[in-house]
Amino acid sequence: MKKKGRIPVTRVKNPEPDVTDPDWVIWAAWADRITFEEIEKKTGKTESEVIKIMRRSIKPTSFRLWRKRVNQKSIKHRKKFEYSRKEITSKIKKGDYL
């Protein structure tokens, strides 16, 4: 009997929902590598609209944790993300990072 060649399905704790799904905005807001600019490009929702959606959709304690995390992370905004990447790559080139 021949084995069927199947690609194994990798299970992820929080798989990415479809972009048309309203939960995608919440998923993308929690994701560190997705900037507010990318969310706006894909859904048309601005940062303030995303904040309102998060405030309505998740528990108050989760919302406070998310806001704290977003404000501390420099990667939710494209300019800050690009600046932090340049900083990291320059440290790697100098040998300071390792």
C-alpha atoms as a PDB file:
ATOM      1  CA  MET A   1       0.000   0.000   0.000  1.00  0.00           C
ATOM      2  CA  LYS A   2       1.308   3.424  -0.935  1.00  0.00           C
ATOM      3  CA  LYS A   3       1.557   6.261   1.552  1.00  0.00           C
ATOM      4  CA  LYS A   4      -0.122   9.471   0.605  1.00  0.00           C
ATOM      5  CA  GLY A   5       2.243  12.409   0.668  1.00  0.00           C
ATOM      6  CA  ARG A   6       0.736  14.892   3.048  1.00  0.00           C
ATOM      7  CA  ILE A   7       2.244  18.031   4.375  1.00  0.00           C
ATOM      8  CA  PRO A   8       1.890  18.031   8.150  1.00  0.00           C
ATOM      9  CA  VAL A   9      -0.315  20.764   9.521  1.00  0.00           C
ATOM     10  CA  THR A  10       1.476  22.914  12.053  1.00  0.00           C
ATOM     11  CA  ARG A  11      -0.795  23.766  14.913  1.00  0.00           C
ATOM     12  CA  VAL A  12      -0.503  27.260  16.257  1.00  0.00           C
ATOM     13  CA  LYS A  13      -1.927  28.440  19.564  1.00  0.00           C
ATOM     14  CA  ASN A  14      -3.579  31.464  17.931  1.00  0.00           C
ATOM     15  CA  PRO A  15      -3.857  30.822  14.182  1.00  0.00           C
ATOM     16  CA  GLU A  16      -4.413  33.804  11.926  1.00  0.00           C
ATOM     17  CA  PRO A  17      -8.111  34.275  11.110  1.00  0.00           C
ATOM     18  CA  ASP A  18      -9.255  35.392   7.674  1.00  0.00           C
ATOM     19  CA  VAL A  19      -8.798  39.130   7.024  1.00  0.00           C
ATOM     20  CA  THR A  20     -12.519  39.506   6.361  1.00  0.00           C
ATOM     21  CA  ASP A  21     -13.285  38.069   9.812  1.00  0.00           C
ATOM     22  CA  PRO A  22     -13.855  40.779  12.476  1.00  0.00           C
ATOM     23  CA  ASP A  23     -11.586  38.817  14.826  1.00  0.00           C
ATOM     24  CA  TRP A  24      -8.646  39.487  12.493  1.00  0.00           C
ATOM     25  CA  VAL A  25      -8.300  43.057  13.825  1.00  0.00           C
ATOM     26  CA  ILE A  26      -8.084  41.749  17.393  1.00  0.00           C
ATOM     27  CA  TRP A  27      -5.602  39.062  16.366  1.00  0.00           C
ATOM     28  CA  ALA A  28      -3.465  41.581  14.461  1.00  0.00           C
ATOM     29  CA  ALA A  29      -3.560  44.066  17.351  1.00  0.00           C
ATOM     30  CA  TRP A  30      -2.128  41.418  19.682  1.00  0.00           C
ATOM     31  CA  ALA A  31       0.525  40.367  17.140  1.00  0.00           C
ATOM     32  CA  ASP A  32       3.812  42.175  17.772  1.00  0.00           C
ATOM     33  CA  ARG A  33       5.027  42.171  14.180  1.00  0.00           C
ATOM     34  CA  ILE A  34       1.910  43.693  12.637  1.00  0.00           C
ATOM     35  CA  THR A  35       1.963  47.472  12.721  1.00  0.00           C
ATOM     36  CA  PHE A  36      -1.051  49.759  12.929  1.00  0.00           C
ATOM     37  CA  GLU A  37      -0.206  50.932   9.416  1.00  0.00           C
ATOM     38  CA  GLU A  38      -0.530  47.376   8.077  1.00  0.00           C
ATOM     39  CA  ILE A  39      -3.845  46.923   9.896  1.00  0.00           C
ATOM     40  CA  GLU A  40      -5.101  50.152   8.329  1.00  0.00           C
ATOM     41  CA  LYS A  41      -3.913  49.091   4.880  1.00  0.00           C
ATOM     42  CA  LYS A  42      -5.715  45.732   5.065  1.00  0.00           C
ATOM     43  CA  THR A  43      -8.913  46.748   6.873  1.00  0.00           C
ATOM     44  CA  GLY A  44      -9.159  50.532   6.581  1.00  0.00           C
ATOM     45  CA  LYS A  45      -9.323  50.902  10.382  1.00  0.00           C
ATOM     46  CA  THR A  46      -7.152  53.582  11.971  1.00  0.00           C
ATOM     47  CA  GLU A  47      -5.220  53.162  15.214  1.00  0.00           C
ATOM     48  CA  SER A  48      -7.951  54.898  17.223  1.00  0.00           C
ATOM     49  CA  GLU A  49     -10.597  52.620  15.703  1.00  0.00           C
ATOM     50  CA  VAL A  50      -8.506  49.560  16.566  1.00  0.00           C
ATOM     51  CA  ILE A  51      -8.215  50.823  20.157  1.00  0.00           C
ATOM     52  CA  LYS A  52     -12.017  51.228  20.328  1.00  0.00           C
ATOM     53  CA  ILE A  53     -12.517  47.712  18.952  1.00  0.00           C
ATOM     54  CA  MET A  54     -10.086  46.290  21.500  1.00  0.00           C
ATOM     55  CA  ARG A  55     -11.773  48.199  24.334  1.00  0.00           C
ATOM     56  CA  ARG A  56     -15.185  46.758  23.366  1.00  0.00           C
ATOM     57  CA  SER A  57     -14.043  43.228  22.528  1.00  0.00           C
ATOM     58  CA  ILE A  58     -11.738  42.151  25.317  1.00  0.00           C
ATOM     59  CA  LYS A  59     -11.908  42.200  29.093  1.00  0.00           C
ATOM     60  CA  PRO A  60     -10.880  45.440  30.851  1.00  0.00           C
ATOM     61  CA  THR A  61      -7.803  43.833  32.431  1.00  0.00           C
ATOM     62  CA  SER A  62      -6.731  42.390  29.078  1.00  0.00           C
ATOM     63  CA  PHE A  63      -7.257  45.773  27.449  1.00  0.00           C
ATOM     64  CA  ARG A  64      -5.026  47.482  30.046  1.00  0.00           C
ATOM     65  CA  LEU A  65      -2.324  44.851  29.516  1.00  0.00           C
ATOM     66  CA  TRP A  66      -2.565  45.291  25.751  1.00  0.00           C
ATOM     67  CA  ARG A  67      -2.337  49.105  25.967  1.00  0.00           C
ATOM     68  CA  LYS A  68       0.673  48.863  28.258  1.00  0.00           C
ATOM     69  CA  ARG A  69       2.304  46.402  25.885  1.00  0.00           C
ATOM     70  CA  VAL A  70       1.581  48.506  22.781  1.00  0.00           C
ATOM     71  CA  ASN A  71       2.928  51.659  24.426  1.00  0.00           C
ATOM     72  CA  GLN A  72       6.129  49.910  25.533  1.00  0.00           C
ATOM     73  CA  LYS A  73       6.743  48.088  22.263  1.00  0.00           C
ATOM     74  CA  SER A  74       8.301  50.247  19.617  1.00  0.00           C
ATOM     75  CA  ILE A  75       7.274  47.946  16.796  1.00  0.00           C
ATOM     76  CA  LYS A  76       3.558  48.700  16.507  1.00  0.00           C
ATOM     77  CA  HIS A  77       4.398  51.803  14.459  1.00  0.00           C
ATOM     78  CA  ARG A  78       6.330  51.415  11.209  1.00  0.00           C
ATOM     79  CA  LYS A  79       8.815  54.276  11.771  1.00  0.00           C
ATOM     80  CA  LYS A  80       9.714  53.098  15.259  1.00  0.00           C
ATOM     81  CA  PHE A  81       9.940  49.506  14.015  1.00  0.00           C
ATOM     82  CA  GLU A  82      12.284  50.431  11.167  1.00  0.00           C
ATOM     83  CA  TYR A  83      14.432  52.502  13.537  1.00  0.00           C
ATOM     84  CA  SER A  84      14.699  49.638  16.040  1.00  0.00           C
ATOM     85  CA  ARG A  85      15.640  47.204  13.231  1.00  0.00           C
ATOM     86  CA  LYS A  86      18.400  49.559  12.053  1.00  0.00           C
ATOM     87  CA  GLU A  87      19.651  49.825  15.625  1.00  0.00           C
ATOM     88  CA  ILE A  88      19.767  46.036  16.031  1.00  0.00           C
ATOM     89  CA  THR A  89      21.488  45.419  12.683  1.00  0.00           C
ATOM     90  CA  SER A  90      24.113  48.071  13.426  1.00  0.00           C
ATOM     91  CA  LYS A  91      24.838  46.393  16.775  1.00  0.00           C
ATOM     92  CA  ILE A  92      25.175  43.014  15.052  1.00  0.00           C
ATOM     93  CA  LYS A  93      27.607  44.460  12.524  1.00  0.00           C
ATOM     94  CA  LYS A  94      29.693  46.016  15.288  1.00  0.00           C
ATOM     95  CA  GLY A  95      29.647  42.796  17.291  1.00  0.00           C
ATOM     96  CA  ASP A  96      28.062  44.463  20.322  1.00  0.00           C
ATOM     97  CA  TYR A  97      24.866  42.439  20.136  1.00  0.00           C
ATOM     98  CA  LEU A  98      26.354  38.968  20.388  1.00  0.00           C
END
